[in-house]
Amino acid sequence: KRELLLEKFNRFGKDRQVAEAIRSLNVKYV
């Protein structure tokens, strides 16, 4: 999940996998 965010975090508005990783880890800031 963290590797996915490193590679694609800036696509959280389009990529559902990235969005789900953010929700599951409770990432609120960058």
Full PDB file with SEQRES, HELIX, SHEET, SSBOND, CRYST1, ORIGX, SCALE, CONECT and MASTER records, all heavy atoms in Angstrom:
SEQRES   1 A   30  LYS ARG GLU LEU LEU LEU GLU LYS PHE ASN ARG PHE GLY          
SEQRES   2 A   30  LYS ASP ARG GLN VAL ALA GLU ALA ILE ARG SER LEU ASN          
SEQRES   3 A   30  VAL LYS TYR VAL                                              
HELIX    1 AA1 ARG A    2  LYS A    8  1                                   7    
HELIX    2 AA2 PHE A    9  ARG A   11  5                                   3    
HELIX    3 AA3 ARG A   16  LEU A   25  1                                  10    
CRYST1    1.000    1.000    1.000  90.00  90.00  90.00 P 1           1          
ORIGX1      1.000000  0.000000  0.000000        0.00000                         
ORIGX2      0.000000  1.000000  0.000000        0.00000                         
ORIGX3      0.000000  0.000000  1.000000        0.00000                         
SCALE1      1.000000  0.000000  0.000000        0.00000                         
SCALE2      0.000000  1.000000  0.000000        0.00000                         
SCALE3      0.000000  0.000000  1.000000        0.00000                         
ATOM      1  N   LYS A   1       0.828  -1.211   0.000  1.00  0.00           N  
ATOM      2  CA  LYS A   1       0.000   0.000   0.000  1.00  0.00           C  
ATOM      3  C   LYS A   1       0.859   1.256   0.000  1.00  0.00           C  
ATOM      4  O   LYS A   1       0.563   2.230  -0.691  1.00  0.00           O  
ATOM      5  CB  LYS A   1      -0.925   0.010   1.212  1.00  0.00           C  
ATOM      6  CG  LYS A   1      -2.068  -0.984   1.153  1.00  0.00           C  
ATOM      7  CD  LYS A   1      -2.944  -0.840   2.379  1.00  0.00           C  
ATOM      8  CE  LYS A   1      -4.094  -1.861   2.343  1.00  0.00           C  
ATOM      9  NZ  LYS A   1      -4.965  -1.741   3.541  1.00  0.00           N  
ATOM     10  N   ARG A   2       1.916   1.231   0.748  1.00  0.00           N  
ATOM     11  CA  ARG A   2       2.776   2.407   0.862  1.00  0.00           C  
ATOM     12  C   ARG A   2       3.594   2.607  -0.409  1.00  0.00           C  
ATOM     13  O   ARG A   2       3.847   3.747  -0.820  1.00  0.00           O  
ATOM     14  CB  ARG A   2       3.652   2.266   2.110  1.00  0.00           C  
ATOM     15  CG  ARG A   2       2.805   2.210   3.382  1.00  0.00           C  
ATOM     16  CD  ARG A   2       3.562   1.771   4.616  1.00  0.00           C  
ATOM     17  NE  ARG A   2       2.630   1.343   5.647  1.00  0.00           N  
ATOM     18  CZ  ARG A   2       2.293   2.055   6.730  1.00  0.00           C  
ATOM     19  NH1 ARG A   2       2.837   3.229   6.945  1.00  0.00           N  
ATOM     20  NH2 ARG A   2       1.428   1.577   7.605  1.00  0.00           N  
ATOM     21  N   GLU A   3       3.998   1.509  -1.021  1.00  0.00           N  
ATOM     22  CA  GLU A   3       4.714   1.614  -2.289  1.00  0.00           C  
ATOM     23  C   GLU A   3       3.791   2.183  -3.362  1.00  0.00           C  
ATOM     24  O   GLU A   3       4.216   3.006  -4.192  1.00  0.00           O  
ATOM     25  CB  GLU A   3       5.233   0.240  -2.713  1.00  0.00           C  
ATOM     26  CG  GLU A   3       6.154   0.267  -3.917  1.00  0.00           C  
ATOM     27  CD  GLU A   3       7.464   0.983  -3.646  1.00  0.00           C  
ATOM     28  OE1 GLU A   3       7.944   0.955  -2.493  1.00  0.00           O  
ATOM     29  OE2 GLU A   3       8.004   1.599  -4.596  1.00  0.00           O  
ATOM     30  N   LEU A   4       2.536   1.776  -3.347  1.00  0.00           N  
ATOM     31  CA  LEU A   4       1.549   2.318  -4.289  1.00  0.00           C  
ATOM     32  C   LEU A   4       1.413   3.825  -4.114  1.00  0.00           C  
ATOM     33  O   LEU A   4       1.360   4.580  -5.104  1.00  0.00           O  
ATOM     34  CB  LEU A   4       0.195   1.637  -4.071  1.00  0.00           C  
ATOM     35  CG  LEU A   4      -0.977   2.168  -4.909  1.00  0.00           C  
ATOM     36  CD1 LEU A   4      -0.753   1.869  -6.385  1.00  0.00           C  
ATOM     37  CD2 LEU A   4      -2.302   1.559  -4.431  1.00  0.00           C  
ATOM     38  N   LEU A   5       1.357   4.283  -2.866  1.00  0.00           N  
ATOM     39  CA  LEU A   5       1.243   5.718  -2.619  1.00  0.00           C  
ATOM     40  C   LEU A   5       2.491   6.465  -3.085  1.00  0.00           C  
ATOM     41  O   LEU A   5       2.392   7.581  -3.615  1.00  0.00           O  
ATOM     42  CB  LEU A   5       0.994   5.979  -1.140  1.00  0.00           C  
ATOM     43  CG  LEU A   5      -0.356   5.500  -0.589  1.00  0.00           C  
ATOM     44  CD1 LEU A   5      -0.464   5.807   0.902  1.00  0.00           C  
ATOM     45  CD2 LEU A   5      -1.515   6.143  -1.346  1.00  0.00           C  
ATOM     46  N   LEU A   6       3.653   5.877  -2.885  1.00  0.00           N  
ATOM     47  CA  LEU A   6       4.878   6.522  -3.366  1.00  0.00           C  
ATOM     48  C   LEU A   6       4.863   6.679  -4.880  1.00  0.00           C  
ATOM     49  O   LEU A   6       5.335   7.682  -5.412  1.00  0.00           O  
ATOM     50  CB  LEU A   6       6.101   5.701  -2.937  1.00  0.00           C  
ATOM     51  CG  LEU A   6       6.486   5.759  -1.458  1.00  0.00           C  
ATOM     52  CD1 LEU A   6       7.514   4.687  -1.136  1.00  0.00           C  
ATOM     53  CD2 LEU A   6       7.035   7.141  -1.092  1.00  0.00           C  
ATOM     54  N   GLU A   7       4.307   5.715  -5.554  1.00  0.00           N  
ATOM     55  CA  GLU A   7       4.306   5.747  -7.020  1.00  0.00           C  
ATOM     56  C   GLU A   7       3.168   6.590  -7.592  1.00  0.00           C  
ATOM     57  O   GLU A   7       3.344   7.241  -8.632  1.00  0.00           O  
ATOM     58  CB  GLU A   7       4.198   4.318  -7.558  1.00  0.00           C  
ATOM     59  CG  GLU A   7       5.404   3.442  -7.238  1.00  0.00           C  
ATOM     60  CD  GLU A   7       5.202   2.005  -7.671  1.00  0.00           C  
ATOM     61  OE1 GLU A   7       4.108   1.687  -8.203  1.00  0.00           O  
ATOM     62  OE2 GLU A   7       6.124   1.198  -7.487  1.00  0.00           O  
ATOM     63  N   LYS A   8       2.012   6.619  -6.903  1.00  0.00           N  
ATOM     64  CA  LYS A   8       0.827   7.211  -7.548  1.00  0.00           C  
ATOM     65  C   LYS A   8       0.011   8.115  -6.629  1.00  0.00           C  
ATOM     66  O   LYS A   8      -1.147   8.419  -6.944  1.00  0.00           O  
ATOM     67  CB  LYS A   8      -0.081   6.084  -8.073  1.00  0.00           C  
ATOM     68  CG  LYS A   8       0.569   5.188  -9.102  1.00  0.00           C  
ATOM     69  CD  LYS A   8      -0.409   4.111  -9.586  1.00  0.00           C  
ATOM     70  CE  LYS A   8       0.216   3.214 -10.651  1.00  0.00           C  
ATOM     71  NZ  LYS A   8      -0.732   2.195 -11.136  1.00  0.00           N  
ATOM     72  N   PHE A   9       0.558   8.561  -5.507  1.00  0.00           N  
ATOM     73  CA  PHE A   9      -0.230   9.357  -4.569  1.00  0.00           C  
ATOM     74  C   PHE A   9      -0.917  10.535  -5.250  1.00  0.00           C  
ATOM     75  O   PHE A   9      -2.087  10.839  -4.975  1.00  0.00           O  
ATOM     76  CB  PHE A   9       0.655   9.872  -3.437  1.00  0.00           C  
ATOM     77  CG  PHE A   9      -0.037  10.856  -2.538  1.00  0.00           C  
ATOM     78  CD1 PHE A   9      -0.864  10.427  -1.518  1.00  0.00           C  
ATOM     79  CD2 PHE A   9       0.116  12.230  -2.730  1.00  0.00           C  
ATOM     80  CE1 PHE A   9      -1.523  11.327  -0.704  1.00  0.00           C  
ATOM     81  CE2 PHE A   9      -0.542  13.136  -1.922  1.00  0.00           C  
ATOM     82  CZ  PHE A   9      -1.365  12.692  -0.897  1.00  0.00           C  
ATOM     83  N   ASN A  10      -0.226  11.237  -6.137  1.00  0.00           N  
ATOM     84  CA  ASN A  10      -0.795  12.440  -6.768  1.00  0.00           C  
ATOM     85  C   ASN A  10      -1.939  12.132  -7.732  1.00  0.00           C  
ATOM     86  O   ASN A  10      -2.479  13.051  -8.362  1.00  0.00           O  
ATOM     87  CB  ASN A  10       0.291  13.246  -7.478  1.00  0.00           C  
ATOM     88  CG  ASN A  10       1.142  12.395  -8.399  1.00  0.00           C  
ATOM     89  OD1 ASN A  10       0.772  11.283  -8.766  1.00  0.00           O  
ATOM     90  ND2 ASN A  10       2.303  12.922  -8.771  1.00  0.00           N  
ATOM     91  N   ARG A  11      -2.350  10.874  -7.822  1.00  0.00           N  
ATOM     92  CA  ARG A  11      -3.488  10.490  -8.671  1.00  0.00           C  
ATOM     93  C   ARG A  11      -4.664  10.017  -7.825  1.00  0.00           C  
ATOM     94  O   ARG A  11      -5.549   9.307  -8.312  1.00  0.00           O  
ATOM     95  CB  ARG A  11      -3.052   9.384  -9.637  1.00  0.00           C  
ATOM     96  CG  ARG A  11      -1.928   9.804 -10.580  1.00  0.00           C  
ATOM     97  CD  ARG A  11      -1.453   8.663 -11.452  1.00  0.00           C  
ATOM     98  NE  ARG A  11      -2.525   8.091 -12.238  1.00  0.00           N  
ATOM     99  CZ  ARG A  11      -2.412   7.005 -13.002  1.00  0.00           C  
ATOM    100  NH1 ARG A  11      -1.243   6.359 -13.057  1.00  0.00           N  
ATOM    101  NH2 ARG A  11      -3.439   6.539 -13.689  1.00  0.00           N  
ATOM    102  N   PHE A  12      -4.709  10.427  -6.549  1.00  0.00           N  
ATOM    103  CA  PHE A  12      -5.741   9.911  -5.651  1.00  0.00           C  
ATOM    104  C   PHE A  12      -7.145  10.294  -6.078  1.00  0.00           C  
ATOM    105  O   PHE A  12      -8.118   9.667  -5.678  1.00  0.00           O  
ATOM    106  CB  PHE A  12      -5.488  10.331  -4.202  1.00  0.00           C  
ATOM    107  CG  PHE A  12      -5.520  11.810  -3.950  1.00  0.00           C  
ATOM    108  CD1 PHE A  12      -6.704  12.528  -3.920  1.00  0.00           C  
ATOM    109  CD2 PHE A  12      -4.333  12.505  -3.696  1.00  0.00           C  
ATOM    110  CE1 PHE A  12      -6.727  13.891  -3.667  1.00  0.00           C  
ATOM    111  CE2 PHE A  12      -4.345  13.866  -3.440  1.00  0.00           C  
ATOM    112  CZ  PHE A  12      -5.541  14.570  -3.435  1.00  0.00           C  
ATOM    113  N   GLY A  13      -7.263  11.341  -6.889  1.00  0.00           N  
ATOM    114  CA  GLY A  13      -8.590  11.741  -7.350  1.00  0.00           C  
ATOM    115  C   GLY A  13      -9.096  10.901  -8.499  1.00  0.00           C  
ATOM    116  O   GLY A  13     -10.295  10.950  -8.820  1.00  0.00           O  
ATOM    117  N   LYS A  14      -8.229  10.093  -9.104  1.00  0.00           N  
ATOM    118  CA  LYS A  14      -8.610   9.296 -10.274  1.00  0.00           C  
ATOM    119  C   LYS A  14      -8.423   7.798 -10.058  1.00  0.00           C  
ATOM    120  O   LYS A  14      -9.116   6.996 -10.693  1.00  0.00           O  
ATOM    121  CB  LYS A  14      -7.777   9.729 -11.485  1.00  0.00           C  
ATOM    122  CG  LYS A  14      -7.902  11.210 -11.827  1.00  0.00           C  
ATOM    123  CD  LYS A  14      -6.958  11.583 -12.958  1.00  0.00           C  
ATOM    124  CE  LYS A  14      -7.025  13.076 -13.275  1.00  0.00           C  
ATOM    125  NZ  LYS A  14      -6.079  13.452 -14.358  1.00  0.00           N  
ATOM    126  N   ASP A  15      -7.494   7.424  -9.223  1.00  0.00           N  
ATOM    127  CA  ASP A  15      -7.148   6.019  -9.042  1.00  0.00           C  
ATOM    128  C   ASP A  15      -7.798   5.486  -7.763  1.00  0.00           C  
ATOM    129  O   ASP A  15      -7.480   5.925  -6.659  1.00  0.00           O  
ATOM    130  CB  ASP A  15      -5.619   5.876  -8.959  1.00  0.00           C  
ATOM    131  CG  ASP A  15      -5.154   4.436  -9.038  1.00  0.00           C  
ATOM    132  OD1 ASP A  15      -5.714   3.590  -8.312  1.00  0.00           O  
ATOM    133  OD2 ASP A  15      -4.206   4.157  -9.800  1.00  0.00           O  
ATOM    134  N   ARG A  16      -8.724   4.533  -7.919  1.00  0.00           N  
ATOM    135  CA  ARG A  16      -9.455   4.014  -6.765  1.00  0.00           C  
ATOM    136  C   ARG A  16      -8.548   3.254  -5.793  1.00  0.00           C  
ATOM    137  O   ARG A  16      -8.766   3.293  -4.582  1.00  0.00           O  
ATOM    138  CB  ARG A  16     -10.586   3.094  -7.247  1.00  0.00           C  
ATOM    139  CG  ARG A  16     -11.703   3.836  -7.973  1.00  0.00           C  
ATOM    140  CD  ARG A  16     -12.823   2.881  -8.325  1.00  0.00           C  
ATOM    141  NE  ARG A  16     -13.925   3.584  -8.987  1.00  0.00           N  
ATOM    142  CZ  ARG A  16     -15.055   2.983  -9.394  1.00  0.00           C  
ATOM    143  NH1 ARG A  16     -15.194   1.672  -9.215  1.00  0.00           N  
ATOM    144  NH2 ARG A  16     -15.998   3.681  -9.981  1.00  0.00           N  
ATOM    145  N   GLN A  17      -7.554   2.553  -6.327  1.00  0.00           N  
ATOM    146  CA  GLN A  17      -6.638   1.826  -5.449  1.00  0.00           C  
ATOM    147  C   GLN A  17      -5.856   2.783  -4.546  1.00  0.00           C  
ATOM    148  O   GLN A  17      -5.663   2.526  -3.359  1.00  0.00           O  
ATOM    149  CB  GLN A  17      -5.671   0.984  -6.276  1.00  0.00           C  
ATOM    150  CG  GLN A  17      -6.276  -0.278  -6.863  1.00  0.00           C  
ATOM    151  CD  GLN A  17      -5.223  -1.128  -7.531  1.00  0.00           C  
ATOM    152  OE1 GLN A  17      -4.422  -0.636  -8.331  1.00  0.00           O  
ATOM    153  NE2 GLN A  17      -5.225  -2.415  -7.230  1.00  0.00           N  
ATOM    154  N   VAL A  18      -5.424   3.897  -5.126  1.00  0.00           N  
ATOM    155  CA  VAL A  18      -4.706   4.897  -4.342  1.00  0.00           C  
ATOM    156  C   VAL A  18      -5.628   5.484  -3.282  1.00  0.00           C  
ATOM    157  O   VAL A  18      -5.240   5.637  -2.113  1.00  0.00           O  
ATOM    158  CB  VAL A  18      -4.146   6.002  -5.255  1.00  0.00           C  
ATOM    159  CG1 VAL A  18      -3.517   7.116  -4.421  1.00  0.00           C  
ATOM    160  CG2 VAL A  18      -3.128   5.437  -6.233  1.00  0.00           C  
ATOM    161  N   ALA A  19      -6.854   5.806  -3.679  1.00  0.00           N  
ATOM    162  CA  ALA A  19      -7.809   6.370  -2.732  1.00  0.00           C  
ATOM    163  C   ALA A  19      -8.100   5.398  -1.593  1.00  0.00           C  
ATOM    164  O   ALA A  19      -8.182   5.790  -0.422  1.00  0.00           O  
ATOM    165  CB  ALA A  19      -9.102   6.740  -3.463  1.00  0.00           C  
ATOM    166  N   GLU A  20      -8.258   4.116  -1.921  1.00  0.00           N  
ATOM    167  CA  GLU A  20      -8.526   3.121  -0.892  1.00  0.00           C  
ATOM    168  C   GLU A  20      -7.343   2.978   0.066  1.00  0.00           C  
ATOM    169  O   GLU A  20      -7.517   2.811   1.278  1.00  0.00           O  
ATOM    170  CB  GLU A  20      -8.834   1.774  -1.545  1.00  0.00           C  
ATOM    171  CG  GLU A  20      -9.078   0.643  -0.561  1.00  0.00           C  
ATOM    172  CD  GLU A  20     -10.184   0.951   0.453  1.00  0.00           C  
ATOM    173  OE1 GLU A  20     -11.127   1.689   0.106  1.00  0.00           O  
ATOM    174  OE2 GLU A  20     -10.064   0.468   1.611  1.00  0.00           O  
ATOM    175  N   ALA A  21      -6.116   3.052  -0.452  1.00  0.00           N  
ATOM    176  CA  ALA A  21      -4.931   2.984   0.404  1.00  0.00           C  
ATOM    177  C   ALA A  21      -4.889   4.167   1.363  1.00  0.00           C  
ATOM    178  O   ALA A  21      -4.548   4.017   2.547  1.00  0.00           O  
ATOM    179  CB  ALA A  21      -3.670   2.942  -0.448  1.00  0.00           C  
ATOM    180  N   ILE A  22      -5.251   5.336   0.887  1.00  0.00           N  
ATOM    181  CA  ILE A  22      -5.276   6.532   1.740  1.00  0.00           C  
ATOM    182  C   ILE A  22      -6.300   6.364   2.852  1.00  0.00           C  
ATOM    183  O   ILE A  22      -6.039   6.682   4.026  1.00  0.00           O  
ATOM    184  CB  ILE A  22      -5.568   7.782   0.892  1.00  0.00           C  
ATOM    185  CG1 ILE A  22      -4.367   8.105   0.004  1.00  0.00           C  
ATOM    186  CG2 ILE A  22      -5.911   8.979   1.778  1.00  0.00           C  
ATOM    187  CD1 ILE A  22      -4.613   9.226  -0.981  1.00  0.00           C  
ATOM    188  N   ARG A  23      -7.504   5.855   2.492  1.00  0.00           N  
ATOM    189  CA  ARG A  23      -8.545   5.664   3.502  1.00  0.00           C  
ATOM    190  C   ARG A  23      -8.139   4.610   4.538  1.00  0.00           C  
ATOM    191  O   ARG A  23      -8.307   4.807   5.744  1.00  0.00           O  
ATOM    192  CB  ARG A  23      -9.849   5.251   2.814  1.00  0.00           C  
ATOM    193  CG  ARG A  23     -10.496   6.337   1.961  1.00  0.00           C  
ATOM    194  CD  ARG A  23     -11.886   5.902   1.516  1.00  0.00           C  
ATOM    195  NE  ARG A  23     -12.500   6.860   0.610  1.00  0.00           N  
ATOM    196  CZ  ARG A  23     -12.504   6.742  -0.723  1.00  0.00           C  
ATOM    197  NH1 ARG A  23     -11.906   5.697  -1.302  1.00  0.00           N  
ATOM    198  NH2 ARG A  23     -13.081   7.653  -1.471  1.00  0.00           N  
ATOM    199  N   SER A  24      -7.600   3.488   4.079  1.00  0.00           N  
ATOM    200  CA  SER A  24      -7.288   2.388   4.991  1.00  0.00           C  
ATOM    201  C   SER A  24      -6.160   2.745   5.955  1.00  0.00           C  
ATOM    202  O   SER A  24      -6.139   2.271   7.098  1.00  0.00           O  
ATOM    203  CB  SER A  24      -6.920   1.137   4.199  1.00  0.00           C  
ATOM    204  OG  SER A  24      -5.733   1.339   3.452  1.00  0.00           O  
ATOM    205  N   LEU A  25      -5.229   3.579   5.503  1.00  0.00           N  
ATOM    206  CA  LEU A  25      -4.122   3.991   6.367  1.00  0.00           C  
ATOM    207  C   LEU A  25      -4.438   5.257   7.160  1.00  0.00           C  
ATOM    208  O   LEU A  25      -3.632   5.672   7.990  1.00  0.00           O  
ATOM    209  CB  LEU A  25      -2.857   4.218   5.526  1.00  0.00           C  
ATOM    210  CG  LEU A  25      -2.242   2.978   4.860  1.00  0.00           C  
ATOM    211  CD1 LEU A  25      -1.092   3.381   3.934  1.00  0.00           C  
ATOM    212  CD2 LEU A  25      -1.756   1.990   5.899  1.00  0.00           C  
ATOM    213  N   ASN A  26      -5.595   5.876   6.876  1.00  0.00           N  
ATOM    214  CA  ASN A  26      -5.995   7.129   7.521  1.00  0.00           C  
ATOM    215  C   ASN A  26      -4.973   8.238   7.270  1.00  0.00           C  
ATOM    216  O   ASN A  26      -4.541   8.953   8.171  1.00  0.00           O  
ATOM    217  CB  ASN A  26      -6.185   6.944   9.031  1.00  0.00           C  
ATOM    218  CG  ASN A  26      -6.966   8.088   9.659  1.00  0.00           C  
ATOM    219  OD1 ASN A  26      -7.861   8.667   9.024  1.00  0.00           O  
ATOM    220  ND2 ASN A  26      -6.632   8.442  10.882  1.00  0.00           N  
ATOM    221  N   VAL A  27      -4.588   8.395   6.014  1.00  0.00           N  
ATOM    222  CA  VAL A  27      -3.653   9.442   5.610  1.00  0.00           C  
ATOM    223  C   VAL A  27      -4.441  10.729   5.415  1.00  0.00           C  
ATOM    224  O   VAL A  27      -5.301  10.807   4.534  1.00  0.00           O  
ATOM    225  CB  VAL A  27      -2.903   9.059   4.317  1.00  0.00           C  
ATOM    226  CG1 VAL A  27      -1.923  10.163   3.925  1.00  0.00           C  
ATOM    227  CG2 VAL A  27      -2.175   7.741   4.496  1.00  0.00           C  
ATOM    228  N   LYS A  28      -4.159  11.742   6.208  1.00  0.00           N  
ATOM    229  CA  LYS A  28      -4.903  12.998   6.144  1.00  0.00           C  
ATOM    230  C   LYS A  28      -4.069  14.154   5.598  1.00  0.00           C  
ATOM    231  O   LYS A  28      -4.620  15.186   5.212  1.00  0.00           O  
ATOM    232  CB  LYS A  28      -5.405  13.364   7.542  1.00  0.00           C  
ATOM    233  CG  LYS A  28      -6.439  12.401   8.102  1.00  0.00           C  
ATOM    234  CD  LYS A  28      -7.712  12.409   7.272  1.00  0.00           C  
ATOM    235  CE  LYS A  28      -8.793  11.526   7.856  1.00  0.00           C  
ATOM    236  NZ  LYS A  28      -9.385  12.061   9.091  1.00  0.00           N  
ATOM    237  N   TYR A  29      -2.741  13.995   5.567  1.00  0.00           N  
ATOM    238  CA  TYR A  29      -1.860  15.074   5.120  1.00  0.00           C  
ATOM    239  C   TYR A  29      -0.747  14.483   4.256  1.00  0.00           C  
ATOM    240  O   TYR A  29      -0.505  13.261   4.254  1.00  0.00           O  
ATOM    241  CB  TYR A  29      -1.234  15.808   6.312  1.00  0.00           C  
ATOM    242  CG  TYR A  29      -2.228  16.574   7.163  1.00  0.00           C  
ATOM    243  CD1 TYR A  29      -2.968  15.926   8.162  1.00  0.00           C  
ATOM    244  CD2 TYR A  29      -2.426  17.939   6.966  1.00  0.00           C  
ATOM    245  CE1 TYR A  29      -3.875  16.619   8.941  1.00  0.00           C  
ATOM    246  CE2 TYR A  29      -3.333  18.650   7.742  1.00  0.00           C  
ATOM    247  CZ  TYR A  29      -4.057  17.983   8.720  1.00  0.00           C  
ATOM    248  OH  TYR A  29      -4.964  18.685   9.486  1.00  0.00           O  
ATOM    249  N   VAL A  30      -0.048  15.355   3.560  1.00  0.00           N  
ATOM    250  CA  VAL A  30       1.141  14.971   2.809  1.00  0.00           C  
ATOM    251  C   VAL A  30       2.185  16.062   3.015  1.00  0.00           C  
ATOM    252  O   VAL A  30       1.860  17.251   3.063  1.00  0.00           O  
ATOM    253  CB  VAL A  30       0.836  14.758   1.310  1.00  0.00           C  
ATOM    254  CG1 VAL A  30       0.231  16.009   0.676  1.00  0.00           C  
ATOM    255  CG2 VAL A  30       2.108  14.354   0.558  1.00  0.00           C  
TER     256      VAL A  30                                                      
MASTER        0    0    0    3    0    0    0    6  255    1    0    3          
END                                                                             
